[in-house]
Structure formats: C-alpha cells, structure tokens
Amino acid sequence: MDLTCPKCKSEDTQKLTMGLDNTLFGKIMRFGAVYVYNIWIPVASVFFGIAFGIVFGLFNGYLGFFAFAGTLVAGFFARKWVKAKTRSKFADLSDNMKQNGFQCKRCEHRFIPVEHLPAGRAQVASA
C-alpha cells in the first residue's frame, strides 16, 4: 500500500485515527470546554446583565434595560466564539475519511489511499 502524500510526496504520514482527539486528555479538555460554554457563559451573562441593568437602571430605566439586553447579547456571541474555537479540526470529516484517511505530517494534507476508496473511483480522494 502506497502511503506517500500525493501533494508533497513525503513518506512521513500518519493515520487520522492516531491524530484525532481520542486521548483521555483530549476528552477531558473537550468536556471542560463544553461545560464552560454551555453553563458558565450563560450564567455569567445573566448575572452581569442583571447587575449592569440595576446599576444603569438607577440613572434611567431605558438605559438599564439596554445594559441588560446588551450583556445578554454579548454573552450569546461569547458563547458562540468559544464554541467555534474549541471545535475539533476533524469534526467536519466524513466517516470514510476518519476511518481510512491519512494525514501528511509535513504539509498536513489529508488523503485516502486508493486501496480504501469505494469501487469505481480510481483516483486519490483529498480533503
């Protein structure tokens, strides 16, 4: 089986299942990130929204409402940003690529060797 990279012709390739975040440390980090962006960011947004709403509401009721709403919106976008940053770089890959794919350690090109392609496809698939 030819496992050289079709892009740079390097022989230093690695099976994608070895590079995925399947280690215990990777699972713990992913759990911690999910815990932060699903629980702590919304709780902090509501807490600070109420606090800012009360403080600014002492001056003007509309200003307090806008401070509360603005803090909630900022918390929503902060959660969205953290969720995007903690997403695995392998999350969008197909199942065939995850199971049979290889990655070049030199140029990070992902490919499936010809032997693992479905019948009828003669060329190397790339991601």
N, C-alpha and C. Protein backbone atom coordinates (compact mmCIF):
# COMPACT_ATOMS: atom_id res chain seq x y z
N MET A 1 0.85 -1.17 0.00
CA MET A 1 0.00 0.00 0.00
C MET A 1 0.90 1.24 0.00
N ASP A 2 0.60 2.16 -0.88
CA ASP A 2 1.38 3.39 -1.01
C ASP A 2 0.80 4.45 -0.09
N LEU A 3 1.55 4.84 0.93
CA LEU A 3 1.08 5.82 1.89
C LEU A 3 1.82 7.15 1.78
N THR A 4 2.48 7.40 0.65
CA THR A 4 3.14 8.69 0.46
C THR A 4 2.10 9.75 0.16
N CYS A 5 2.38 10.95 0.59
CA CYS A 5 1.46 12.08 0.40
C CYS A 5 1.37 12.40 -1.10
N PRO A 6 0.16 12.48 -1.65
CA PRO A 6 0.03 12.80 -3.07
C PRO A 6 0.37 14.26 -3.38
N LYS A 7 0.40 15.10 -2.38
CA LYS A 7 0.66 16.52 -2.60
C LYS A 7 2.16 16.84 -2.59
N CYS A 8 2.86 16.39 -1.54
CA CYS A 8 4.28 16.75 -1.42
C CYS A 8 5.22 15.55 -1.56
N LYS A 9 4.67 14.36 -1.74
CA LYS A 9 5.43 13.11 -1.92
C LYS A 9 6.24 12.72 -0.69
N SER A 10 5.85 13.20 0.46
CA SER A 10 6.54 12.83 1.70
C SER A 10 6.05 11.46 2.16
N GLU A 11 6.94 10.69 2.75
CA GLU A 11 6.56 9.38 3.27
C GLU A 11 6.22 9.44 4.76
N ASP A 12 6.31 10.62 5.35
CA ASP A 12 6.02 10.80 6.77
C ASP A 12 4.53 11.10 6.94
N THR A 13 3.70 10.03 6.92
CA THR A 13 2.25 10.18 7.05
C THR A 13 1.78 9.44 8.29
N GLN A 14 0.57 9.78 8.71
CA GLN A 14 0.01 9.21 9.93
C GLN A 14 -1.48 8.95 9.70
N LYS A 15 -1.97 7.84 10.20
CA LYS A 15 -3.39 7.53 10.11
C LYS A 15 -4.17 8.55 10.93
N LEU A 16 -5.30 9.01 10.40
CA LEU A 16 -6.06 10.06 11.07
C LEU A 16 -6.58 9.64 12.43
N THR A 17 -6.88 8.36 12.61
CA THR A 17 -7.37 7.92 13.92
C THR A 17 -6.31 8.11 14.99
N MET A 18 -5.05 8.16 14.60
CA MET A 18 -3.98 8.42 15.57
C MET A 18 -3.92 9.90 15.94
N GLY A 19 -4.33 10.77 15.03
CA GLY A 19 -4.25 12.20 15.27
C GLY A 19 -5.50 12.79 15.87
N LEU A 20 -6.59 12.03 15.88
CA LEU A 20 -7.83 12.54 16.44
C LEU A 20 -7.69 12.72 17.95
N ASP A 21 -8.56 13.54 18.51
CA ASP A 21 -8.52 13.81 19.95
C ASP A 21 -9.19 12.69 20.73
N ASN A 22 -8.69 11.46 20.58
CA ASN A 22 -9.27 10.32 21.27
C ASN A 22 -8.55 10.00 22.57
N THR A 23 -7.57 10.78 22.93
CA THR A 23 -6.85 10.53 24.17
C THR A 23 -7.69 10.97 25.36
N LEU A 24 -7.34 10.51 26.53
CA LEU A 24 -8.07 10.89 27.73
C LEU A 24 -7.95 12.39 27.97
N PHE A 25 -6.77 12.94 27.74
CA PHE A 25 -6.57 14.38 27.92
C PHE A 25 -7.46 15.18 26.96
N GLY A 26 -7.54 14.72 25.70
CA GLY A 26 -8.38 15.41 24.71
C GLY A 26 -9.85 15.37 25.09
N LYS A 27 -10.30 14.23 25.62
CA LYS A 27 -11.70 14.10 26.04
C LYS A 27 -11.99 14.99 27.25
N ILE A 28 -11.06 15.08 28.18
CA ILE A 28 -11.24 15.93 29.36
C ILE A 28 -11.28 17.40 28.94
N MET A 29 -10.40 17.79 28.05
CA MET A 29 -10.38 19.18 27.59
C MET A 29 -11.67 19.53 26.85
N ARG A 30 -12.16 18.62 26.02
CA ARG A 30 -13.39 18.88 25.28
C ARG A 30 -14.57 18.97 26.25
N PHE A 31 -14.60 18.10 27.28
CA PHE A 31 -15.66 18.17 28.28
C PHE A 31 -15.61 19.49 29.04
N GLY A 32 -14.40 19.93 29.39
CA GLY A 32 -14.25 21.19 30.10
C GLY A 32 -14.72 22.37 29.27
N ALA A 33 -14.41 22.37 27.99
CA ALA A 33 -14.84 23.46 27.12
C ALA A 33 -16.35 23.47 26.96
N VAL A 34 -16.94 22.30 26.80
CA VAL A 34 -18.40 22.21 26.67
C VAL A 34 -19.05 22.68 27.96
N TYR A 35 -18.49 22.33 29.09
CA TYR A 35 -19.00 22.75 30.40
C TYR A 35 -18.97 24.27 30.51
N VAL A 36 -17.88 24.89 30.04
CA VAL A 36 -17.74 26.35 30.12
C VAL A 36 -18.75 27.04 29.23
N TYR A 37 -18.84 26.63 27.95
CA TYR A 37 -19.70 27.40 27.06
C TYR A 37 -21.17 27.02 27.16
N ASN A 38 -21.51 25.93 27.82
CA ASN A 38 -22.93 25.60 27.99
C ASN A 38 -23.49 26.03 29.34
N ILE A 39 -22.63 26.18 30.35
CA ILE A 39 -23.13 26.52 31.68
C ILE A 39 -22.62 27.87 32.15
N TRP A 40 -21.30 28.05 32.20
CA TRP A 40 -20.75 29.24 32.85
C TRP A 40 -20.95 30.52 32.06
N ILE A 41 -20.83 30.49 30.77
CA ILE A 41 -21.03 31.73 30.00
C ILE A 41 -22.48 32.21 30.09
N PRO A 42 -23.50 31.35 29.93
CA PRO A 42 -24.88 31.84 30.11
C PRO A 42 -25.17 32.31 31.53
N VAL A 43 -24.66 31.60 32.54
CA VAL A 43 -24.90 32.03 33.93
C VAL A 43 -24.25 33.38 34.20
N ALA A 44 -23.01 33.54 33.74
CA ALA A 44 -22.32 34.81 33.94
C ALA A 44 -23.00 35.93 33.16
N SER A 45 -23.51 35.64 31.98
CA SER A 45 -24.20 36.66 31.19
C SER A 45 -25.46 37.16 31.90
N VAL A 46 -26.24 36.24 32.45
CA VAL A 46 -27.45 36.65 33.18
C VAL A 46 -27.08 37.41 34.45
N PHE A 47 -26.09 36.92 35.18
CA PHE A 47 -25.68 37.59 36.41
C PHE A 47 -25.21 39.02 36.15
N PHE A 48 -24.27 39.16 35.20
CA PHE A 48 -23.77 40.50 34.91
C PHE A 48 -24.81 41.36 34.22
N GLY A 49 -25.70 40.75 33.45
CA GLY A 49 -26.80 41.51 32.84
C GLY A 49 -27.70 42.12 33.88
N ILE A 50 -28.04 41.33 34.90
CA ILE A 50 -28.88 41.86 35.98
C ILE A 50 -28.14 42.94 36.75
N ALA A 51 -26.86 42.69 37.05
CA ALA A 51 -26.07 43.69 37.80
C ALA A 51 -25.94 45.00 37.03
N PHE A 52 -25.58 44.92 35.74
CA PHE A 52 -25.46 46.14 34.93
C PHE A 52 -26.82 46.79 34.73
N GLY A 53 -27.87 45.99 34.58
CA GLY A 53 -29.21 46.55 34.42
C GLY A 53 -29.64 47.34 35.64
N ILE A 54 -29.34 46.82 36.82
CA ILE A 54 -29.70 47.55 38.05
C ILE A 54 -28.89 48.83 38.19
N VAL A 55 -27.58 48.74 37.95
CA VAL A 55 -26.72 49.92 38.11
C VAL A 55 -27.11 51.01 37.12
N PHE A 56 -27.25 50.66 35.86
CA PHE A 56 -27.62 51.67 34.86
C PHE A 56 -29.10 52.04 34.95
N GLY A 57 -29.91 51.15 35.50
CA GLY A 57 -31.33 51.45 35.68
C GLY A 57 -31.57 52.50 36.74
N LEU A 58 -30.63 52.71 37.64
CA LEU A 58 -30.77 53.77 38.64
C LEU A 58 -30.74 55.16 38.00
N PHE A 59 -30.05 55.28 36.87
CA PHE A 59 -29.98 56.56 36.18
C PHE A 59 -31.16 56.74 35.23
N ASN A 60 -31.47 55.67 34.50
CA ASN A 60 -32.55 55.73 33.53
C ASN A 60 -33.04 54.30 33.28
N GLY A 61 -34.35 54.10 33.25
CA GLY A 61 -34.92 52.78 33.06
C GLY A 61 -34.57 52.17 31.71
N TYR A 62 -34.60 53.01 30.67
CA TYR A 62 -34.26 52.51 29.33
C TYR A 62 -32.79 52.12 29.26
N LEU A 63 -31.94 52.92 29.88
CA LEU A 63 -30.52 52.62 29.88
C LEU A 63 -30.25 51.29 30.61
N GLY A 64 -30.96 51.04 31.70
CA GLY A 64 -30.82 49.78 32.43
C GLY A 64 -31.26 48.59 31.59
N PHE A 65 -32.39 48.77 30.87
CA PHE A 65 -32.86 47.69 30.00
C PHE A 65 -31.87 47.40 28.89
N PHE A 66 -31.32 48.45 28.27
CA PHE A 66 -30.35 48.24 27.19
C PHE A 66 -29.04 47.64 27.71
N ALA A 67 -28.64 47.98 28.92
CA ALA A 67 -27.44 47.38 29.51
C ALA A 67 -27.69 45.89 29.76
N PHE A 68 -28.88 45.55 30.25
CA PHE A 68 -29.22 44.14 30.48
C PHE A 68 -29.26 43.37 29.16
N ALA A 69 -29.95 43.91 28.17
CA ALA A 69 -30.07 43.24 26.88
C ALA A 69 -28.71 43.14 26.18
N GLY A 70 -27.92 44.21 26.26
CA GLY A 70 -26.59 44.19 25.62
C GLY A 70 -25.67 43.17 26.24
N THR A 71 -25.75 42.99 27.54
CA THR A 71 -24.92 41.99 28.21
C THR A 71 -25.34 40.58 27.81
N LEU A 72 -26.64 40.35 27.68
CA LEU A 72 -27.11 39.04 27.24
C LEU A 72 -26.67 38.74 25.81
N VAL A 73 -26.75 39.74 24.94
CA VAL A 73 -26.31 39.55 23.55
C VAL A 73 -24.81 39.31 23.49
N ALA A 74 -24.04 40.05 24.29
CA ALA A 74 -22.59 39.85 24.33
C ALA A 74 -22.26 38.44 24.84
N GLY A 75 -23.01 37.94 25.81
CA GLY A 75 -22.81 36.58 26.30
C GLY A 75 -23.13 35.54 25.25
N PHE A 76 -24.17 35.79 24.45
CA PHE A 76 -24.51 34.87 23.36
C PHE A 76 -23.36 34.78 22.35
N PHE A 77 -22.82 35.94 21.96
CA PHE A 77 -21.72 35.93 20.99
C PHE A 77 -20.42 35.38 21.59
N ALA A 78 -20.22 35.59 22.89
CA ALA A 78 -19.04 35.00 23.55
C ALA A 78 -19.15 33.48 23.57
N ARG A 79 -20.35 32.95 23.84
CA ARG A 79 -20.56 31.50 23.82
C ARG A 79 -20.33 30.95 22.42
N LYS A 80 -20.83 31.65 21.42
CA LYS A 80 -20.65 31.22 20.03
C LYS A 80 -19.17 31.22 19.64
N TRP A 81 -18.41 32.22 20.08
CA TRP A 81 -17.00 32.33 19.76
C TRP A 81 -16.20 31.20 20.44
N VAL A 82 -16.49 30.95 21.73
CA VAL A 82 -15.77 29.90 22.46
C VAL A 82 -16.09 28.53 21.86
N LYS A 83 -17.34 28.33 21.48
CA LYS A 83 -17.74 27.05 20.88
C LYS A 83 -17.00 26.82 19.56
N ALA A 84 -16.84 27.87 18.76
CA ALA A 84 -16.13 27.75 17.48
C ALA A 84 -14.64 27.50 17.70
N LYS A 85 -14.06 28.09 18.72
CA LYS A 85 -12.63 27.93 18.98
C LYS A 85 -12.29 26.55 19.53
N THR A 86 -13.22 25.92 20.23
CA THR A 86 -12.93 24.62 20.83
C THR A 86 -13.36 23.45 19.95
N ARG A 87 -13.88 23.73 18.79
CA ARG A 87 -14.31 22.67 17.88
C ARG A 87 -13.09 21.94 17.31
N SER A 88 -13.18 20.64 17.20
CA SER A 88 -12.10 19.84 16.67
C SER A 88 -11.92 20.11 15.18
N LYS A 89 -10.68 20.10 14.72
CA LYS A 89 -10.43 20.32 13.30
C LYS A 89 -10.82 19.12 12.46
N PHE A 90 -11.13 18.00 13.11
CA PHE A 90 -11.56 16.79 12.40
C PHE A 90 -13.07 16.61 12.44
N ALA A 91 -13.82 17.57 12.97
CA ALA A 91 -15.26 17.40 13.14
C ALA A 91 -16.03 17.33 11.82
N ASP A 92 -15.56 18.00 10.79
CA ASP A 92 -16.28 18.05 9.52
C ASP A 92 -15.91 16.94 8.55
N LEU A 93 -15.03 16.04 8.94
CA LEU A 93 -14.60 14.98 8.04
C LEU A 93 -15.66 13.89 7.93
N SER A 94 -15.72 13.26 6.78
CA SER A 94 -16.65 12.16 6.57
C SER A 94 -16.19 10.93 7.37
N ASP A 95 -17.11 9.99 7.54
CA ASP A 95 -16.77 8.77 8.29
C ASP A 95 -15.69 7.97 7.57
N ASN A 96 -15.75 7.93 6.23
CA ASN A 96 -14.75 7.20 5.46
C ASN A 96 -13.37 7.82 5.66
N MET A 97 -13.31 9.15 5.69
CA MET A 97 -12.03 9.84 5.89
C MET A 97 -11.52 9.59 7.31
N LYS A 98 -12.42 9.59 8.30
CA LYS A 98 -12.00 9.35 9.68
C LYS A 98 -11.46 7.93 9.87
N GLN A 99 -12.06 6.95 9.19
CA GLN A 99 -11.66 5.56 9.38
C GLN A 99 -10.46 5.17 8.52
N ASN A 100 -10.43 5.65 7.27
CA ASN A 100 -9.40 5.19 6.33
C ASN A 100 -8.42 6.28 5.93
N GLY A 101 -8.59 7.49 6.42
CA GLY A 101 -7.77 8.61 5.98
C GLY A 101 -6.41 8.66 6.64
N PHE A 102 -5.51 9.31 5.93
CA PHE A 102 -4.16 9.56 6.42
C PHE A 102 -3.87 11.06 6.32
N GLN A 103 -2.94 11.53 7.13
CA GLN A 103 -2.54 12.93 7.09
C GLN A 103 -1.02 13.00 7.00
N CYS A 104 -0.56 13.87 6.10
CA CYS A 104 0.87 14.09 5.95
C CYS A 104 1.36 14.93 7.13
N LYS A 105 2.43 14.52 7.74
CA LYS A 105 2.99 15.29 8.86
C LYS A 105 3.78 16.49 8.39
N ARG A 106 4.09 16.53 7.12
CA ARG A 106 4.89 17.63 6.57
C ARG A 106 4.01 18.80 6.13
N CYS A 107 2.99 18.51 5.28
CA CYS A 107 2.16 19.59 4.74
C CYS A 107 0.72 19.54 5.27
N GLU A 108 0.39 18.57 6.14
CA GLU A 108 -0.92 18.40 6.75
C GLU A 108 -2.04 18.12 5.74
N HIS A 109 -1.67 17.62 4.59
CA HIS A 109 -2.67 17.23 3.58
C HIS A 109 -3.33 15.93 4.01
N ARG A 110 -4.66 15.86 3.89
CA ARG A 110 -5.40 14.65 4.25
C ARG A 110 -5.79 13.91 2.98
N PHE A 111 -5.62 12.59 2.99
CA PHE A 111 -5.93 11.80 1.80
C PHE A 111 -6.34 10.39 2.20
N ILE A 112 -7.01 9.71 1.26
CA ILE A 112 -7.39 8.31 1.43
C ILE A 112 -6.62 7.52 0.38
N PRO A 113 -5.86 6.50 0.78
CA PRO A 113 -5.15 5.69 -0.21
C PRO A 113 -6.13 5.00 -1.16
N VAL A 114 -5.67 4.68 -2.36
CA VAL A 114 -6.52 4.10 -3.40
C VAL A 114 -7.14 2.79 -2.94
N GLU A 115 -6.46 2.02 -2.13
CA GLU A 115 -6.96 0.72 -1.68
C GLU A 115 -8.22 0.84 -0.84
N HIS A 116 -8.44 2.00 -0.20
CA HIS A 116 -9.58 2.17 0.70
C HIS A 116 -10.73 2.93 0.06
N LEU A 117 -10.60 3.32 -1.20
CA LEU A 117 -11.68 4.03 -1.87
C LEU A 117 -12.78 3.07 -2.29
N PRO A 118 -14.03 3.55 -2.35
CA PRO A 118 -15.11 2.69 -2.84
C PRO A 118 -14.86 2.28 -4.29
N ALA A 119 -15.45 1.17 -4.71
CA ALA A 119 -15.26 0.67 -6.07
C ALA A 119 -15.72 1.70 -7.09
N GLY A 120 -14.98 1.79 -8.18
CA GLY A 120 -15.36 2.73 -9.23
C GLY A 120 -14.57 4.04 -9.20
N ARG A 121 -13.82 4.28 -8.14
CA ARG A 121 -13.03 5.51 -8.07
C ARG A 121 -11.57 5.14 -8.16
N ALA A 122 -10.93 5.64 -9.17
CA ALA A 122 -9.53 5.24 -9.41
C ALA A 122 -8.53 6.27 -8.92
N GLN A 123 -8.97 7.44 -8.57
CA GLN A 123 -8.03 8.47 -8.15
C GLN A 123 -8.05 8.62 -6.63
N VAL A 124 -7.08 9.30 -6.11
CA VAL A 124 -6.95 9.50 -4.67
C VAL A 124 -7.87 10.63 -4.25
N ALA A 125 -8.67 10.39 -3.22
CA ALA A 125 -9.57 11.42 -2.70
C ALA A 125 -8.78 12.33 -1.77
N SER A 126 -9.08 13.60 -1.81
CA SER A 126 -8.40 14.57 -0.96
C SER A 126 -9.42 15.36 -0.18
N ALA A 127 -9.01 15.85 0.97
CA ALA A 127 -9.88 16.69 1.77
C ALA A 127 -9.26 18.05 1.94
